[in-house]
N, C-alpha and C. Protein backbone atom coordinates (compact mmCIF):
# COMPACT_ATOMS: atom_id res chain seq x y z
N MET A 1 147.06 122.63 106.19
CA MET A 1 145.61 122.80 105.99
C MET A 1 145.25 123.87 104.94
N LYS A 2 146.16 124.90 104.78
CA LYS A 2 145.83 125.85 103.79
C LYS A 2 145.75 125.35 102.33
N GLU A 3 146.61 124.44 102.02
CA GLU A 3 146.57 123.80 100.69
C GLU A 3 145.30 123.03 100.49
N GLU A 4 144.77 122.36 101.54
CA GLU A 4 143.47 121.60 101.40
C GLU A 4 142.35 122.58 101.22
N VAL A 5 142.36 123.69 101.94
CA VAL A 5 141.29 124.66 101.81
C VAL A 5 141.36 125.32 100.41
N LEU A 6 142.56 125.70 99.90
CA LEU A 6 142.71 126.19 98.57
C LEU A 6 142.09 125.10 97.48
N ARG A 7 142.42 123.89 97.65
CA ARG A 7 141.82 122.95 96.73
C ARG A 7 140.32 122.89 96.83
N ALA A 8 139.76 122.94 97.98
CA ALA A 8 138.34 122.98 98.15
C ALA A 8 137.79 124.17 97.50
N ILE A 9 138.38 125.37 97.62
CA ILE A 9 137.86 126.63 97.05
C ILE A 9 137.95 126.51 95.51
N GLU A 10 138.99 125.94 95.03
CA GLU A 10 139.12 125.80 93.53
C GLU A 10 137.98 124.95 92.98
N GLU A 11 137.61 123.95 93.75
CA GLU A 11 136.52 123.05 93.30
C GLU A 11 135.17 123.82 93.40
N LEU A 12 135.01 124.59 94.46
CA LEU A 12 133.75 125.32 94.66
C LEU A 12 133.57 126.54 93.75
N ARG A 13 134.72 127.17 93.35
CA ARG A 13 134.71 128.47 92.63
C ARG A 13 133.80 128.34 91.34
N PRO A 14 133.77 127.34 90.52
CA PRO A 14 133.01 127.42 89.24
C PRO A 14 131.46 127.53 89.64
N HIS A 15 131.02 127.03 90.74
CA HIS A 15 129.60 127.25 91.11
C HIS A 15 129.25 128.63 91.42
N LEU A 16 130.12 129.35 92.14
CA LEU A 16 129.94 130.69 92.40
C LEU A 16 130.12 131.57 91.14
N GLN A 17 131.01 131.28 90.32
CA GLN A 17 131.20 132.00 89.06
C GLN A 17 130.09 131.84 88.14
N ALA A 18 129.36 130.71 88.16
CA ALA A 18 128.21 130.57 87.34
C ALA A 18 127.11 131.50 87.62
N ASP A 19 127.05 132.10 88.80
CA ASP A 19 126.06 133.09 89.24
C ASP A 19 126.67 134.49 89.26
N GLY A 20 127.91 134.75 88.72
CA GLY A 20 128.56 136.01 88.67
C GLY A 20 129.35 136.43 89.84
N GLY A 21 129.55 135.44 90.79
CA GLY A 21 130.40 135.68 91.95
C GLY A 21 131.73 135.02 91.92
N ASP A 22 132.45 135.11 93.02
CA ASP A 22 133.77 134.43 93.13
C ASP A 22 134.17 134.46 94.52
N ILE A 23 135.18 133.83 94.90
CA ILE A 23 135.71 133.71 96.24
C ILE A 23 137.18 133.72 96.27
N GLU A 24 137.76 134.34 97.31
CA GLU A 24 139.23 134.38 97.38
C GLU A 24 139.64 134.05 98.88
N LEU A 25 140.57 133.17 99.01
CA LEU A 25 141.05 132.83 100.31
C LEU A 25 141.99 133.95 100.81
N VAL A 26 141.71 134.40 102.05
CA VAL A 26 142.47 135.44 102.64
C VAL A 26 143.43 134.86 103.67
N ASP A 27 142.93 134.03 104.54
CA ASP A 27 143.84 133.44 105.57
C ASP A 27 143.24 132.14 106.11
N VAL A 28 144.13 131.24 106.59
CA VAL A 28 143.70 130.07 107.40
C VAL A 28 144.58 130.12 108.65
N SER A 29 143.89 130.29 109.82
CA SER A 29 144.64 130.36 111.04
C SER A 29 144.95 128.91 111.52
N GLU A 30 145.84 128.85 112.50
CA GLU A 30 146.35 127.57 113.02
C GLU A 30 145.21 126.89 113.80
N ASP A 31 144.22 127.72 114.32
CA ASP A 31 143.16 127.05 115.03
C ASP A 31 141.94 126.69 114.18
N GLY A 32 142.06 126.72 112.85
CA GLY A 32 141.03 126.28 111.93
C GLY A 32 140.03 127.28 111.52
N VAL A 33 140.30 128.61 111.60
CA VAL A 33 139.44 129.63 111.14
C VAL A 33 139.92 130.03 109.79
N VAL A 34 138.94 129.94 108.78
CA VAL A 34 139.21 130.23 107.37
C VAL A 34 138.62 131.63 107.13
N LYS A 35 139.33 132.53 106.57
CA LYS A 35 138.83 133.84 106.12
C LYS A 35 138.86 133.98 104.65
N VAL A 36 137.64 134.27 104.13
CA VAL A 36 137.50 134.34 102.68
C VAL A 36 136.88 135.77 102.36
N ARG A 37 137.13 136.16 101.09
CA ARG A 37 136.59 137.36 100.52
C ARG A 37 135.66 136.93 99.38
N LEU A 38 134.38 137.34 99.51
CA LEU A 38 133.40 137.14 98.40
C LEU A 38 133.49 138.16 97.52
N LEU A 39 133.51 137.90 96.15
CA LEU A 39 133.72 138.87 95.10
C LEU A 39 132.57 138.88 94.16
N GLY A 40 132.58 139.89 93.25
CA GLY A 40 131.62 139.87 92.19
C GLY A 40 130.16 140.05 92.72
N ALA A 41 129.25 139.26 92.16
CA ALA A 41 127.85 139.31 92.51
C ALA A 41 127.61 138.92 93.95
N CYS A 42 128.50 138.17 94.51
CA CYS A 42 128.34 137.72 95.96
C CYS A 42 128.49 138.87 96.88
N MET A 43 129.21 139.93 96.50
CA MET A 43 129.49 141.06 97.41
C MET A 43 128.15 141.76 97.84
N GLY A 44 127.23 141.99 97.00
CA GLY A 44 126.07 142.68 97.33
C GLY A 44 124.78 141.80 97.31
N CYS A 45 124.96 140.53 97.28
CA CYS A 45 123.85 139.56 97.22
C CYS A 45 123.14 139.53 98.58
N PRO A 46 121.89 139.68 98.65
CA PRO A 46 121.11 139.51 99.93
C PRO A 46 121.21 138.13 100.53
N MET A 47 121.53 137.14 99.69
CA MET A 47 121.64 135.76 100.20
C MET A 47 123.08 135.51 100.53
N ARG A 48 123.93 136.45 100.72
CA ARG A 48 125.39 136.23 100.97
C ARG A 48 125.62 135.43 102.20
N GLN A 49 124.98 135.63 103.31
CA GLN A 49 125.17 134.97 104.50
C GLN A 49 124.72 133.52 104.38
N VAL A 50 123.61 133.32 103.74
CA VAL A 50 123.11 131.93 103.49
C VAL A 50 124.13 131.15 102.66
N THR A 51 124.65 131.81 101.64
CA THR A 51 125.60 131.12 100.77
C THR A 51 126.89 130.77 101.57
N LEU A 52 127.27 131.76 102.39
CA LEU A 52 128.50 131.48 103.22
C LEU A 52 128.28 130.38 104.20
N THR A 53 127.12 130.39 104.94
CA THR A 53 126.95 129.42 105.94
C THR A 53 126.53 128.04 105.44
N HIS A 54 125.58 128.00 104.54
CA HIS A 54 125.02 126.73 104.10
C HIS A 54 125.70 126.14 102.79
N GLY A 55 126.45 126.98 102.08
CA GLY A 55 127.05 126.51 100.92
C GLY A 55 128.66 126.37 101.16
N ILE A 56 129.27 127.50 101.36
CA ILE A 56 130.69 127.52 101.34
C ILE A 56 131.19 126.80 102.50
N THR A 57 130.68 127.15 103.75
CA THR A 57 131.14 126.47 104.96
C THR A 57 130.97 125.07 104.95
N ARG A 58 129.80 124.51 104.54
CA ARG A 58 129.58 123.08 104.51
C ARG A 58 130.48 122.40 103.52
N PHE A 59 130.75 123.01 102.38
CA PHE A 59 131.61 122.44 101.39
C PHE A 59 133.02 122.29 101.87
N ILE A 60 133.51 123.38 102.47
CA ILE A 60 134.88 123.36 102.98
C ILE A 60 135.06 122.44 104.16
N ASN A 61 134.03 122.40 105.05
CA ASN A 61 134.09 121.42 106.19
C ASN A 61 134.07 119.97 105.67
N LYS A 62 133.35 119.68 104.62
CA LYS A 62 133.34 118.35 104.09
C LYS A 62 134.67 117.92 103.57
N HIS A 63 135.38 118.86 102.94
CA HIS A 63 136.66 118.50 102.33
C HIS A 63 137.85 118.76 103.20
N VAL A 64 137.75 119.52 104.21
CA VAL A 64 138.76 119.85 105.15
C VAL A 64 138.30 119.77 106.63
N PRO A 65 138.26 118.59 107.14
CA PRO A 65 137.64 118.34 108.52
C PRO A 65 138.20 119.23 109.66
N GLY A 66 139.42 119.78 109.57
CA GLY A 66 140.08 120.54 110.64
C GLY A 66 139.53 121.93 110.74
N VAL A 67 138.69 122.36 109.73
CA VAL A 67 138.20 123.81 109.73
C VAL A 67 137.09 123.92 110.79
N LYS A 68 137.23 124.88 111.63
CA LYS A 68 136.29 125.14 112.65
C LYS A 68 135.21 126.18 112.28
N GLU A 69 135.68 127.14 111.49
CA GLU A 69 134.78 128.22 111.06
C GLU A 69 135.15 128.89 109.80
N VAL A 70 134.30 129.40 109.02
CA VAL A 70 134.56 130.16 107.76
C VAL A 70 133.91 131.54 107.92
N GLN A 71 134.76 132.55 107.81
CA GLN A 71 134.34 133.92 107.93
C GLN A 71 134.55 134.70 106.66
N ALA A 72 133.61 135.60 106.32
CA ALA A 72 133.75 136.52 105.23
C ALA A 72 134.42 137.85 105.80
N VAL A 73 135.31 138.27 105.10
CA VAL A 73 135.97 139.48 105.51
C VAL A 73 135.95 140.61 104.35
């Protein structure tokens, strides 16, 4: 599952970078919890939680059906 999540993040990354942000995969647990670190402009953005919930989580879930949750660490 980790490789699938990495591929999804690589596909998503240019969209975040276009706004000065970035994302790094920290961990993928066996029970489907993905931990990511938001970087750059994403770190202090007031819309960070919306981006995580409605953007990143939806995108990863669409590409990796086994993911149960995406958390920012």
